[in-house]
Amino acid sequence: MTEAVTRGTGRGVVQITPYYPPALGGLERVAQALAETLAERREVEVLTTVTRAQPSADRERGPVRVRRFRAVEVAHTPVSPGLFLALLRRKGAAVWHVHCAQALIAEQVMIAARLRRQKYVLHFHLDVGSSGPLGRLLPLYKRHVFARAIRGAAAVIALTSAQATFVKETYGVPADRIHVVPNGVDSRYFLPPRRPTDCGPLRLLFVGRLEAQKNVARLIDALTLVKEKVQLRVVGDGALRAQLEQRAAQCGLPAEFAGPLFGDDLLRAYAEADAFALPSDREGMPLVALEAMAAGLPVIATEVPGNIELIAGRGLLAAAEPGALAAAIDAVAADPGLRAELARRCADAAREYSWDVVTDRVELIYDEVYR
């Protein structure tokens, strides 16, 4: 990549992200969608790790240039000295945009930026959650390390107003440096609102990483309590897949674990479903729920931060426990009228989001920071 050359009038962009597709996850897909939309306007380079992905080469070619560095994953956190050195050695003026939902990546960007006298934009996807035996150190890390990295950013992108308030109050980021920019949805996902049918069981879809935060175990437990006929399809992969498959089998649930799906296969999964369920413990702004809404599906989600801001008044929220989630699923399965109304609300709301509009807002932040 020619470092200082841009396709458009703005400077080039370096996106720094711990993981990148084909690695699975909402952050990864947001980073990719934003990079690809920006690449229509500017030169874009992605710095990431090889973790959870199998690239054919260290540098991938295309509208977006992706450079992957070796890393050691500790407690769901990639440690990559090569990525840090690449930031230090990088030549030319560019926007530095770091995507953050894991520890250490933001700190590497902060240190490199200080040494380079470089500004950076921090995209706050989700507050770092505890994982593994090192989790007990997380509060200290957040207070004394991550807080410096987020306060050091020239601008912080939050996904929702509630998240912006959290960033301000928890990490002491000045309000004038926080910008609310939601996730977007690709135009390929838009389908007419789903028309309920009375034949067969409710085809309920989940898409996402099979990790603790998504709590698919809660969804399985809820389905053991439902009274209506429901067929669950789980799309995704992760450390808990085998455990969840075993749990569903032991409960005698008619559940299909389809593994990870991409492109047209993922679009088909949304098109073939009757409703979408998201049983998470917490979210930033769930991209999969937004895609399901665009696909015209009624969305049932746990009433937790991230889900609330996107789903309230559109889909159906339930307390984060199996009984409440089961009741919500039964209500949607038993009432075609409710299902149709929720599908219409979700589809209408999804039209407010597009990656072109989201990227416009991100570029305004770049212009303000790097003017």
Foldseek 3Di string as FASTA:
>chain_A
DPQFFWQADDGEAEEEEADAPVQFADLRVLVVLLQVLCLVHIAYEYEYACPSHDDPDQWDDDSYIYGHFHFDADQNGTDGPVSLVCLLPRDYDYEYEYEDAEPDRLQSVLVSCVVVVHAYEYEDWHHHAAGDPCSVCVVVCVQPPVLCSNQRHQAYEAADPVRLVCCCVVSVRDSVRYHHFHGFAAPLLADAADQDDPDDFAEEEEEGEPDVQQPVVQVLLLVLVADGGYAYEYAEYYDCVVVVVVVNVVSVGNYHDPYHDDDPRVSVSLLPGQAYEGLGPETRADPVLLSSLSNLHAYEYEPHYNCCVLPPPQHHYFHNGSNRSSVSVNVCRVDSVNRRRSSNSSNVSSVVGHSVVSSVVVVVSVVVSVD
